Amino acid sequence: MKKLHIILFSFSLTLIAQTQVVVEEIMFMDAPYVGEVTTTTTKYASKGKFRQESAVEVDRFLVRMAMGGNKIIGSIMDGESASRIVYNAKDEEFAMETFDTIRENDGKPKLRTMSSFNMRRGSNDEPNSNDSNDQEDNGESDDQNNDNEYSRTISESVKKISGFDTQKVVTSIKSEEGMVLIQEWFTVDTVLFKYVSDIESELIKSYGGTGRGNPRSFSESMLKQAEQEFKSVPGRMVKYTMEMKDDDDGFKMRWQLKSIKEISFKSSDFEVYKKFEKVEELD
């Protein structure tokens, strides 16, 4: 009887350990000629498994038709089966490639989703983490950067956003072409964010790939490019707004974490629907 109790207790601990983290983010973009685009992204992460699904809604008819209509597209990485799946929920299709196949392609997946359409979002936890794009030429000369005006304000007050205590940073950059205004909110409560990021990174590394290298902060990336000194705020970004004002209509973008939570593990969250048809690659 004592042995049975030990077995049951061990099984209970295993069930408790089988959890997953679910993240929901929403991004809104309003750009000249493109119009309004809203992207809702949901991420699922558990040990050895990662899924990301993005639903894209485009306001302008012609742009929407050029993209093939509004989309719900996602990808699933599974360390146990050593496979990567991409799928189009609208067309009810999916394609699969093995990690071995990706390794043979220098760690670059052959199957594509629409992730390249998404604007980049901050994700790194370290304040001074380097982003590869920081070193790219942004098309401005040193003289132009020197003529720009920079201002940065870090709020001392705390604001609650999506259940997190956050600190606000406002950065503005003025140039001859116009002004860029960036507002960002950071939280130091990064445990769940780091878990999701680590799961994704481990799976990408397992097939020989490299991390996404997303900047943790838009403003910090721009200030680094301009070789400006600035004070950094620790933590992880949970919301930002960016507005570019010029002679045209300008450009607006908003991104916010809607929720992040740890729940019981659901294997169905890391599977494609059985009714989906397997194809060689997505259109």
C-alpha atoms as a PDB file:
ATOM      1  CA  MET A   1       0.000   0.000   0.000  1.00  0.00           C
ATOM      2  CA  LYS A   2       2.827   2.383   0.852  1.00  0.00           C
ATOM      3  CA  LYS A   3       4.417   1.697  -2.536  1.00  0.00           C
ATOM      4  CA  LEU A   4       1.102   2.473  -4.257  1.00  0.00           C
ATOM      5  CA  HIS A   5       0.892   5.822  -2.455  1.00  0.00           C
ATOM      6  CA  ILE A   6       4.409   6.687  -3.629  1.00  0.00           C
ATOM      7  CA  ILE A   7       3.485   5.837  -7.232  1.00  0.00           C
ATOM      8  CA  LEU A   8       0.294   7.914  -7.086  1.00  0.00           C
ATOM      9  CA  PHE A   9       2.162  10.823  -5.514  1.00  0.00           C
ATOM     10  CA  SER A  10       4.851  10.702  -8.218  1.00  0.00           C
ATOM     11  CA  PHE A  11       2.176  10.585 -10.936  1.00  0.00           C
ATOM     12  CA  SER A  12       0.449  13.630  -9.413  1.00  0.00           C
ATOM     13  CA  LEU A  13       3.722  15.563  -9.468  1.00  0.00           C
ATOM     14  CA  THR A  14       4.166  14.653 -13.145  1.00  0.00           C
ATOM     15  CA  LEU A  15       0.699  15.980 -13.986  1.00  0.00           C
ATOM     16  CA  ILE A  16       1.401  19.205 -12.130  1.00  0.00           C
ATOM     17  CA  ALA A  17       4.662  19.617 -14.032  1.00  0.00           C
ATOM     18  CA  GLN A  18       2.890  19.249 -17.390  1.00  0.00           C
ATOM     19  CA  THR A  19       1.932  22.842 -17.999  1.00  0.00           C
ATOM     20  CA  GLN A  20       2.207  25.330 -20.823  1.00  0.00           C
ATOM     21  CA  VAL A  21       2.393  29.086 -21.201  1.00  0.00           C
ATOM     22  CA  VAL A  22       0.029  30.887 -23.570  1.00  0.00           C
ATOM     23  CA  VAL A  23       0.744  34.413 -24.825  1.00  0.00           C
ATOM     24  CA  GLU A  24      -1.612  36.677 -26.765  1.00  0.00           C
ATOM     25  CA  GLU A  25      -0.386  39.849 -28.466  1.00  0.00           C
ATOM     26  CA  ILE A  26      -2.077  42.339 -30.758  1.00  0.00           C
ATOM     27  CA  MET A  27      -0.502  44.768 -33.184  1.00  0.00           C
ATOM     28  CA  PHE A  28      -2.128  47.574 -35.161  1.00  0.00           C
ATOM     29  CA  MET A  29      -0.403  49.326 -38.061  1.00  0.00           C
ATOM     30  CA  ASP A  30      -1.616  52.236 -40.180  1.00  0.00           C
ATOM     31  CA  ALA A  31       0.729  53.051 -43.054  1.00  0.00           C
ATOM     32  CA  PRO A  32       0.405  55.187 -46.206  1.00  0.00           C
ATOM     33  CA  TYR A  33      -0.791  53.202 -49.242  1.00  0.00           C
ATOM     34  CA  VAL A  34      -1.218  50.077 -47.126  1.00  0.00           C
ATOM     35  CA  GLY A  35      -3.880  51.296 -44.712  1.00  0.00           C
ATOM     36  CA  GLU A  36      -4.788  49.589 -41.474  1.00  0.00           C
ATOM     37  CA  VAL A  37      -3.503  46.109 -40.631  1.00  0.00           C
ATOM     38  CA  THR A  38      -4.305  44.295 -37.389  1.00  0.00           C
ATOM     39  CA  THR A  39      -2.350  41.192 -36.383  1.00  0.00           C
ATOM     40  CA  THR A  40      -3.327  39.039 -33.416  1.00  0.00           C
ATOM     41  CA  THR A  41      -0.630  36.539 -32.440  1.00  0.00           C
ATOM     42  CA  THR A  42      -0.980  33.658 -30.015  1.00  0.00           C
ATOM     43  CA  LYS A  43       2.013  31.644 -28.787  1.00  0.00           C
ATOM     44  CA  TYR A  44       1.990  28.325 -26.961  1.00  0.00           C
ATOM     45  CA  ALA A  45       5.096  26.986 -25.214  1.00  0.00           C
ATOM     46  CA  SER A  46       5.713  23.806 -23.267  1.00  0.00           C
ATOM     47  CA  LYS A  47       8.785  21.643 -22.759  1.00  0.00           C
ATOM     48  CA  GLY A  48      10.033  20.671 -26.214  1.00  0.00           C
ATOM     49  CA  LYS A  49       7.053  22.227 -28.005  1.00  0.00           C
ATOM     50  CA  PHE A  50       6.298  25.656 -29.453  1.00  0.00           C
ATOM     51  CA  ARG A  51       3.453  26.973 -31.591  1.00  0.00           C
ATOM     52  CA  GLN A  52       2.775  30.431 -32.987  1.00  0.00           C
ATOM     53  CA  GLU A  53      -0.397  31.462 -34.806  1.00  0.00           C
ATOM     54  CA  SER A  54      -1.091  34.864 -36.367  1.00  0.00           C
ATOM     55  CA  ALA A  55      -4.430  36.176 -37.603  1.00  0.00           C
ATOM     56  CA  VAL A  56      -4.032  39.099 -40.014  1.00  0.00           C
ATOM     57  CA  GLU A  57      -6.868  41.452 -40.929  1.00  0.00           C
ATOM     58  CA  VAL A  58      -6.287  44.046 -43.665  1.00  0.00           C
ATOM     59  CA  ASP A  59      -8.672  46.984 -43.944  1.00  0.00           C
ATOM     60  CA  ARG A  60      -8.146  48.064 -47.571  1.00  0.00           C
ATOM     61  CA  PHE A  61      -9.758  45.828 -50.157  1.00  0.00           C
ATOM     62  CA  LEU A  62      -7.041  45.997 -52.841  1.00  0.00           C
ATOM     63  CA  VAL A  63      -4.227  45.367 -50.344  1.00  0.00           C
ATOM     64  CA  ARG A  64      -6.203  42.514 -48.816  1.00  0.00           C
ATOM     65  CA  MET A  65      -6.762  40.923 -52.228  1.00  0.00           C
ATOM     66  CA  ALA A  66      -3.077  41.325 -53.132  1.00  0.00           C
ATOM     67  CA  MET A  67      -2.236  39.362 -49.964  1.00  0.00           C
ATOM     68  CA  GLY A  68      -4.733  36.663 -50.836  1.00  0.00           C
ATOM     69  CA  GLY A  69      -7.277  37.803 -48.262  1.00  0.00           C
ATOM     70  CA  ASN A  70      -7.179  37.884 -44.488  1.00  0.00           C
ATOM     71  CA  LYS A  71      -5.142  35.006 -43.094  1.00  0.00           C
ATOM     72  CA  ILE A  72      -4.669  32.747 -40.103  1.00  0.00           C
ATOM     73  CA  ILE A  73      -1.256  31.141 -40.453  1.00  0.00           C
ATOM     74  CA  GLY A  74       0.926  29.378 -37.943  1.00  0.00           C
ATOM     75  CA  SER A  75       3.847  27.092 -37.246  1.00  0.00           C
ATOM     76  CA  ILE A  76       4.548  24.282 -34.790  1.00  0.00           C
ATOM     77  CA  MET A  77       7.945  23.023 -33.635  1.00  0.00           C
ATOM     78  CA  ASP A  78       8.097  19.669 -31.858  1.00  0.00           C
ATOM     79  CA  GLY A  79      11.350  18.506 -30.317  1.00  0.00           C
ATOM     80  CA  GLU A  80      10.090  14.976 -29.642  1.00  0.00           C
ATOM     81  CA  SER A  81       9.246  14.260 -33.291  1.00  0.00           C
ATOM     82  CA  ALA A  82      12.034  16.605 -34.480  1.00  0.00           C
ATOM     83  CA  SER A  83       9.676  18.249 -36.949  1.00  0.00           C
ATOM     84  CA  ARG A  84       8.370  21.647 -37.958  1.00  0.00           C
ATOM     85  CA  ILE A  85       4.869  22.228 -39.338  1.00  0.00           C
ATOM     86  CA  VAL A  86       3.468  25.306 -41.051  1.00  0.00           C
ATOM     87  CA  TYR A  87      -0.237  25.678 -41.720  1.00  0.00           C
ATOM     88  CA  ASN A  88      -2.881  27.904 -43.282  1.00  0.00           C
ATOM     89  CA  ALA A  89      -6.090  27.658 -41.266  1.00  0.00           C
ATOM     90  CA  LYS A  90      -8.126  29.434 -43.951  1.00  0.00           C
ATOM     91  CA  ASP A  91      -7.144  26.935 -46.658  1.00  0.00           C
ATOM     92  CA  GLU A  92      -7.082  24.054 -44.138  1.00  0.00           C
ATOM     93  CA  GLU A  93      -3.650  22.961 -45.334  1.00  0.00           C
ATOM     94  CA  PHE A  94      -0.352  22.127 -43.647  1.00  0.00           C
ATOM     95  CA  ALA A  95       3.170  21.180 -44.688  1.00  0.00           C
ATOM     96  CA  MET A  96       5.904  19.517 -42.644  1.00  0.00           C
ATOM     97  CA  GLU A  97       9.686  19.321 -42.650  1.00  0.00           C
ATOM     98  CA  THR A  98      12.052  17.466 -40.335  1.00  0.00           C
ATOM     99  CA  PHE A  99      14.819  19.044 -38.290  1.00  0.00           C
ATOM    100  CA  ASP A 100      17.286  16.927 -40.299  1.00  0.00           C
ATOM    101  CA  THR A 101      16.054  18.552 -43.509  1.00  0.00           C
ATOM    102  CA  ILE A 102      16.499  22.007 -41.985  1.00  0.00           C
ATOM    103  CA  ARG A 103      20.013  21.145 -40.783  1.00  0.00           C
ATOM    104  CA  GLU A 104      20.897  20.105 -44.340  1.00  0.00           C
ATOM    105  CA  ASN A 105      19.758  23.584 -45.402  1.00  0.00           C
ATOM    106  CA  ASP A 106      22.227  25.325 -43.053  1.00  0.00           C
ATOM    107  CA  GLY A 107      19.638  25.629 -40.295  1.00  0.00           C
ATOM    108  CA  LYS A 108      17.178  27.585 -42.467  1.00  0.00           C
ATOM    109  CA  PRO A 109      13.608  26.251 -42.731  1.00  0.00           C
ATOM    110  CA  LYS A 110      12.447  25.782 -46.314  1.00  0.00           C
ATOM    111  CA  LEU A 111       8.761  26.082 -45.484  1.00  0.00           C
ATOM    112  CA  ARG A 112       7.563  29.655 -45.094  1.00  0.00           C
ATOM    113  CA  THR A 113       4.752  31.276 -43.171  1.00  0.00           C
ATOM    114  CA  MET A 114       3.711  34.903 -43.271  1.00  0.00           C
ATOM    115  CA  SER A 115       5.937  35.775 -40.282  1.00  0.00           C
ATOM    116  CA  SER A 116       8.079  37.986 -42.513  1.00  0.00           C
ATOM    117  CA  PHE A 117       5.051  40.275 -42.889  1.00  0.00           C
ATOM    118  CA  ASN A 118       4.844  40.905 -39.151  1.00  0.00           C
ATOM    119  CA  MET A 119       6.581  43.950 -37.766  1.00  0.00           C
ATOM    120  CA  ARG A 120       9.319  43.172 -35.274  1.00  0.00           C
ATOM    121  CA  ARG A 121       8.500  43.178 -31.596  1.00  0.00           C
ATOM    122  CA  GLY A 122      10.718  43.515 -28.574  1.00  0.00           C
ATOM    123  CA  SER A 123      11.444  40.277 -26.790  1.00  0.00           C
ATOM    124  CA  ASN A 124      14.925  40.168 -25.312  1.00  0.00           C
ATOM    125  CA  ASP A 125      15.204  40.432 -21.551  1.00  0.00           C
ATOM    126  CA  GLU A 126      18.671  41.913 -21.233  1.00  0.00           C
ATOM    127  CA  PRO A 127      18.811  45.745 -21.401  1.00  0.00           C
ATOM    128  CA  ASN A 128      22.054  45.805 -23.380  1.00  0.00           C
ATOM    129  CA  SER A 129      21.444  42.822 -25.652  1.00  0.00           C
ATOM    130  CA  ASN A 130      22.709  43.472 -29.163  1.00  0.00           C
ATOM    131  CA  ASP A 131      20.465  43.243 -32.181  1.00  0.00           C
ATOM    132  CA  SER A 132      22.000  42.457 -35.544  1.00  0.00           C
ATOM    133  CA  ASN A 133      19.996  45.232 -37.131  1.00  0.00           C
ATOM    134  CA  ASP A 134      21.702  47.741 -34.878  1.00  0.00           C
ATOM    135  CA  GLN A 135      24.757  47.383 -37.047  1.00  0.00           C
ATOM    136  CA  GLU A 136      22.962  47.825 -40.354  1.00  0.00           C
ATOM    137  CA  ASP A 137      23.160  51.028 -42.296  1.00  0.00           C
ATOM    138  CA  ASN A 138      19.892  52.870 -41.943  1.00  0.00           C
ATOM    139  CA  GLY A 139      20.600  55.109 -44.934  1.00  0.00           C
ATOM    140  CA  GLU A 140      21.485  58.200 -42.950  1.00  0.00           C
ATOM    141  CA  SER A 141      24.900  59.782 -42.929  1.00  0.00           C
ATOM    142  CA  ASP A 142      26.707  60.706 -39.717  1.00  0.00           C
ATOM    143  CA  ASP A 143      26.052  64.369 -40.474  1.00  0.00           C
ATOM    144  CA  GLN A 144      22.313  63.752 -40.700  1.00  0.00           C
ATOM    145  CA  ASN A 145      22.358  61.891 -37.373  1.00  0.00           C
ATOM    146  CA  ASN A 146      24.274  64.750 -35.761  1.00  0.00           C
ATOM    147  CA  ASP A 147      21.647  67.228 -36.946  1.00  0.00           C
ATOM    148  CA  ASN A 148      18.811  65.234 -35.385  1.00  0.00           C
ATOM    149  CA  GLU A 149      17.343  66.222 -32.028  1.00  0.00           C
ATOM    150  CA  TYR A 150      16.861  63.504 -29.409  1.00  0.00           C
ATOM    151  CA  SER A 151      14.897  63.532 -26.178  1.00  0.00           C
ATOM    152  CA  ARG A 152      14.104  60.731 -23.738  1.00  0.00           C
ATOM    153  CA  THR A 153      11.956  60.708 -20.610  1.00  0.00           C
ATOM    154  CA  ILE A 154      11.649  57.844 -18.124  1.00  0.00           C
ATOM    155  CA  SER A 155       8.591  57.998 -15.902  1.00  0.00           C
ATOM    156  CA  GLU A 156       9.003  57.369 -12.181  1.00  0.00           C
ATOM    157  CA  SER A 157       5.372  56.316 -11.774  1.00  0.00           C
ATOM    158  CA  VAL A 158       4.079  52.756 -12.226  1.00  0.00           C
ATOM    159  CA  LYS A 159       1.172  51.843 -14.500  1.00  0.00           C
ATOM    160  CA  LYS A 160      -0.650  48.521 -14.571  1.00  0.00           C
ATOM    161  CA  ILE A 161      -0.858  47.018 -18.098  1.00  0.00           C
ATOM    162  CA  SER A 162      -2.218  43.517 -18.750  1.00  0.00           C
ATOM    163  CA  GLY A 163      -1.690  42.683 -15.091  1.00  0.00           C
ATOM    164  CA  PHE A 164       1.937  43.878 -14.960  1.00  0.00           C
ATOM    165  CA  ASP A 165       3.468  46.852 -13.168  1.00  0.00           C
ATOM    166  CA  THR A 166       5.212  48.868 -15.873  1.00  0.00           C
ATOM    167  CA  GLN A 167       7.496  51.847 -16.283  1.00  0.00           C
ATOM    168  CA  LYS A 168       6.984  54.181 -19.251  1.00  0.00           C
ATOM    169  CA  VAL A 169       9.725  55.517 -21.520  1.00  0.00           C
ATOM    170  CA  VAL A 170       9.078  58.243 -24.102  1.00  0.00           C
ATOM    171  CA  THR A 171      11.637  58.895 -26.848  1.00  0.00           C
ATOM    172  CA  SER A 172      11.387  61.455 -29.642  1.00  0.00           C
ATOM    173  CA  ILE A 173      13.688  61.975 -32.616  1.00  0.00           C
ATOM    174  CA  LYS A 174      13.346  65.099 -34.747  1.00  0.00           C
ATOM    175  CA  SER A 175      14.952  65.480 -38.160  1.00  0.00           C
ATOM    176  CA  GLU A 176      14.432  67.435 -41.376  1.00  0.00           C
ATOM    177  CA  GLU A 177      12.092  64.692 -42.598  1.00  0.00           C
ATOM    178  CA  GLY A 178       9.808  64.897 -39.551  1.00  0.00           C
ATOM    179  CA  MET A 179       9.526  63.420 -36.076  1.00  0.00           C
ATOM    180  CA  VAL A 180       9.387  59.923 -34.625  1.00  0.00           C
ATOM    181  CA  LEU A 181       7.637  59.527 -31.266  1.00  0.00           C
ATOM    182  CA  ILE A 182       8.046  56.217 -29.434  1.00  0.00           C
ATOM    183  CA  GLN A 183       6.317  55.294 -26.187  1.00  0.00           C
ATOM    184  CA  GLU A 184       7.273  52.036 -24.459  1.00  0.00           C
ATOM    185  CA  TRP A 185       6.197  50.318 -21.248  1.00  0.00           C
ATOM    186  CA  PHE A 186       8.508  47.808 -19.509  1.00  0.00           C
ATOM    187  CA  THR A 187       8.007  45.275 -16.719  1.00  0.00           C
ATOM    188  CA  VAL A 188      10.674  43.515 -14.667  1.00  0.00           C
ATOM    189  CA  ASP A 189       8.360  40.518 -14.071  1.00  0.00           C
ATOM    190  CA  THR A 190       9.810  38.476 -16.945  1.00  0.00           C
ATOM    191  CA  VAL A 191       9.662  34.854 -15.725  1.00  0.00           C
ATOM    192  CA  LEU A 192       6.940  33.654 -18.127  1.00  0.00           C
ATOM    193  CA  PHE A 193       8.311  35.709 -21.031  1.00  0.00           C
ATOM    194  CA  LYS A 194      11.739  34.146 -20.567  1.00  0.00           C
ATOM    195  CA  TYR A 195      10.236  30.661 -20.452  1.00  0.00           C
ATOM    196  CA  VAL A 196       8.487  31.136 -23.816  1.00  0.00           C
ATOM    197  CA  SER A 197      11.567  32.719 -25.377  1.00  0.00           C
ATOM    198  CA  ASP A 198      13.849  29.948 -24.088  1.00  0.00           C
ATOM    199  CA  ILE A 199      11.592  27.158 -25.405  1.00  0.00           C
ATOM    200  CA  GLU A 200      11.505  28.723 -28.868  1.00  0.00           C
ATOM    201  CA  SER A 201      15.249  29.408 -28.907  1.00  0.00           C
ATOM    202  CA  GLU A 202      16.132  25.859 -27.788  1.00  0.00           C
ATOM    203  CA  LEU A 203      14.027  24.326 -30.570  1.00  0.00           C
ATOM    204  CA  ILE A 204      15.513  26.643 -33.201  1.00  0.00           C
ATOM    205  CA  LYS A 205      19.033  25.808 -32.021  1.00  0.00           C
ATOM    206  CA  SER A 206      18.243  22.084 -32.102  1.00  0.00           C
ATOM    207  CA  TYR A 207      17.890  22.228 -35.896  1.00  0.00           C
ATOM    208  CA  GLY A 208      20.935  24.453 -36.315  1.00  0.00           C
ATOM    209  CA  GLY A 209      19.082  27.737 -36.642  1.00  0.00           C
ATOM    210  CA  THR A 210      19.807  31.080 -35.056  1.00  0.00           C
ATOM    211  CA  GLY A 211      17.595  33.244 -32.878  1.00  0.00           C
ATOM    212  CA  ARG A 212      15.296  35.899 -34.243  1.00  0.00           C
ATOM    213  CA  GLY A 213      17.353  38.680 -32.690  1.00  0.00           C
ATOM    214  CA  ASN A 214      14.358  40.934 -32.096  1.00  0.00           C
ATOM    215  CA  PRO A 215      15.256  44.211 -30.399  1.00  0.00           C
ATOM    216  CA  ARG A 216      13.986  44.534 -26.839  1.00  0.00           C
ATOM    217  CA  SER A 217      13.256  48.193 -27.546  1.00  0.00           C
ATOM    218  CA  PHE A 218      12.653  50.157 -30.742  1.00  0.00           C
ATOM    219  CA  SER A 219      13.918  53.381 -29.226  1.00  0.00           C
ATOM    220  CA  GLU A 220      17.126  51.826 -27.924  1.00  0.00           C
ATOM    221  CA  SER A 221      17.868  50.283 -31.331  1.00  0.00           C
ATOM    222  CA  MET A 222      17.429  53.664 -33.032  1.00  0.00           C
ATOM    223  CA  LEU A 223      19.530  55.468 -30.446  1.00  0.00           C
ATOM    224  CA  LYS A 224      22.301  52.875 -30.805  1.00  0.00           C
ATOM    225  CA  GLN A 225      22.272  53.346 -34.573  1.00  0.00           C
ATOM    226  CA  ALA A 226      22.647  57.089 -34.050  1.00  0.00           C
ATOM    227  CA  GLU A 227      25.449  56.471 -31.509  1.00  0.00           C
ATOM    228  CA  GLN A 228      23.539  58.379 -28.849  1.00  0.00           C
ATOM    229  CA  GLU A 229      24.052  57.794 -25.143  1.00  0.00           C
ATOM    230  CA  PHE A 230      20.893  56.907 -23.255  1.00  0.00           C
ATOM    231  CA  LYS A 231      19.644  55.444 -20.013  1.00  0.00           C
ATOM    232  CA  SER A 232      18.146  51.974 -20.348  1.00  0.00           C
ATOM    233  CA  VAL A 233      15.189  50.538 -18.467  1.00  0.00           C
ATOM    234  CA  PRO A 234      15.444  46.885 -17.360  1.00  0.00           C
ATOM    235  CA  GLY A 235      12.841  44.257 -18.107  1.00  0.00           C
ATOM    236  CA  ARG A 236      10.607  43.287 -20.971  1.00  0.00           C
ATOM    237  CA  MET A 237       8.368  45.476 -23.121  1.00  0.00           C
ATOM    238  CA  VAL A 238       4.623  44.811 -22.772  1.00  0.00           C
ATOM    239  CA  LYS A 239       3.354  47.721 -24.868  1.00  0.00           C
ATOM    240  CA  TYR A 240       4.605  50.288 -27.341  1.00  0.00           C
ATOM    241  CA  THR A 241       3.338  52.923 -29.727  1.00  0.00           C
ATOM    242  CA  MET A 242       5.291  54.426 -32.584  1.00  0.00           C
ATOM    243  CA  GLU A 243       4.256  57.411 -34.664  1.00  0.00           C
ATOM    244  CA  MET A 244       6.159  58.945 -37.553  1.00  0.00           C
ATOM    245  CA  LYS A 245       5.014  62.432 -38.468  1.00  0.00           C
ATOM    246  CA  ASP A 246       6.042  63.913 -41.810  1.00  0.00           C
ATOM    247  CA  ASP A 247       4.580  65.806 -44.767  1.00  0.00           C
ATOM    248  CA  ASP A 248       2.491  62.783 -45.733  1.00  0.00           C
ATOM    249  CA  ASP A 249      -0.077  61.008 -43.587  1.00  0.00           C
ATOM    250  CA  GLY A 250       2.687  59.468 -41.509  1.00  0.00           C
ATOM    251  CA  PHE A 251       2.939  56.006 -40.009  1.00  0.00           C
ATOM    252  CA  LYS A 252       1.390  54.633 -36.825  1.00  0.00           C
ATOM    253  CA  MET A 253       1.970  51.368 -35.034  1.00  0.00           C
ATOM    254  CA  ARG A 254       0.747  49.994 -31.729  1.00  0.00           C
ATOM    255  CA  TRP A 255       1.599  46.691 -30.080  1.00  0.00           C
ATOM    256  CA  GLN A 256       0.485  45.323 -26.744  1.00  0.00           C
ATOM    257  CA  LEU A 257       0.636  42.138 -24.769  1.00  0.00           C
ATOM    258  CA  LYS A 258      -2.982  41.165 -24.100  1.00  0.00           C
ATOM    259  CA  SER A 259      -2.302  38.267 -21.770  1.00  0.00           C
ATOM    260  CA  ILE A 260       0.274  35.688 -20.686  1.00  0.00           C
ATOM    261  CA  LYS A 261      -0.612  32.801 -18.417  1.00  0.00           C
ATOM    262  CA  GLU A 262       0.443  29.334 -17.309  1.00  0.00           C
ATOM    263  CA  ILE A 263      -2.218  26.651 -17.730  1.00  0.00           C
ATOM    264  CA  SER A 264      -2.484  22.867 -17.753  1.00  0.00           C
ATOM    265  CA  PHE A 265      -0.882  21.182 -20.739  1.00  0.00           C
ATOM    266  CA  LYS A 266      -3.157  20.571 -23.750  1.00  0.00           C
ATOM    267  CA  SER A 267      -1.629  18.387 -26.443  1.00  0.00           C
ATOM    268  CA  SER A 268      -4.199  19.672 -28.973  1.00  0.00           C
ATOM    269  CA  ASP A 269      -2.623  23.129 -28.755  1.00  0.00           C
ATOM    270  CA  PHE A 270       0.464  21.696 -30.446  1.00  0.00           C
ATOM    271  CA  GLU A 271      -1.309  19.806 -33.218  1.00  0.00           C
ATOM    272  CA  VAL A 272      -2.927  20.752 -36.533  1.00  0.00           C
ATOM    273  CA  TYR A 273      -6.582  19.936 -37.008  1.00  0.00           C
ATOM    274  CA  LYS A 274      -7.135  16.447 -38.391  1.00  0.00           C
ATOM    275  CA  LYS A 275      -9.275  17.848 -41.220  1.00  0.00           C
ATOM    276  CA  PHE A 276      -6.301  19.833 -42.588  1.00  0.00           C
ATOM    277  CA  GLU A 277      -4.829  18.445 -45.801  1.00  0.00           C
ATOM    278  CA  LYS A 278      -1.106  17.776 -46.019  1.00  0.00           C
ATOM    279  CA  VAL A 279       0.639  19.506 -48.934  1.00  0.00           C
ATOM    280  CA  GLU A 280       4.240  19.883 -50.065  1.00  0.00           C
ATOM    281  CA  GLU A 281       4.288  23.611 -49.274  1.00  0.00           C
ATOM    282  CA  LEU A 282       1.862  26.444 -48.630  1.00  0.00           C
ATOM    283  CA  ASP A 283       0.883  28.876 -51.382  1.00  0.00           C
END
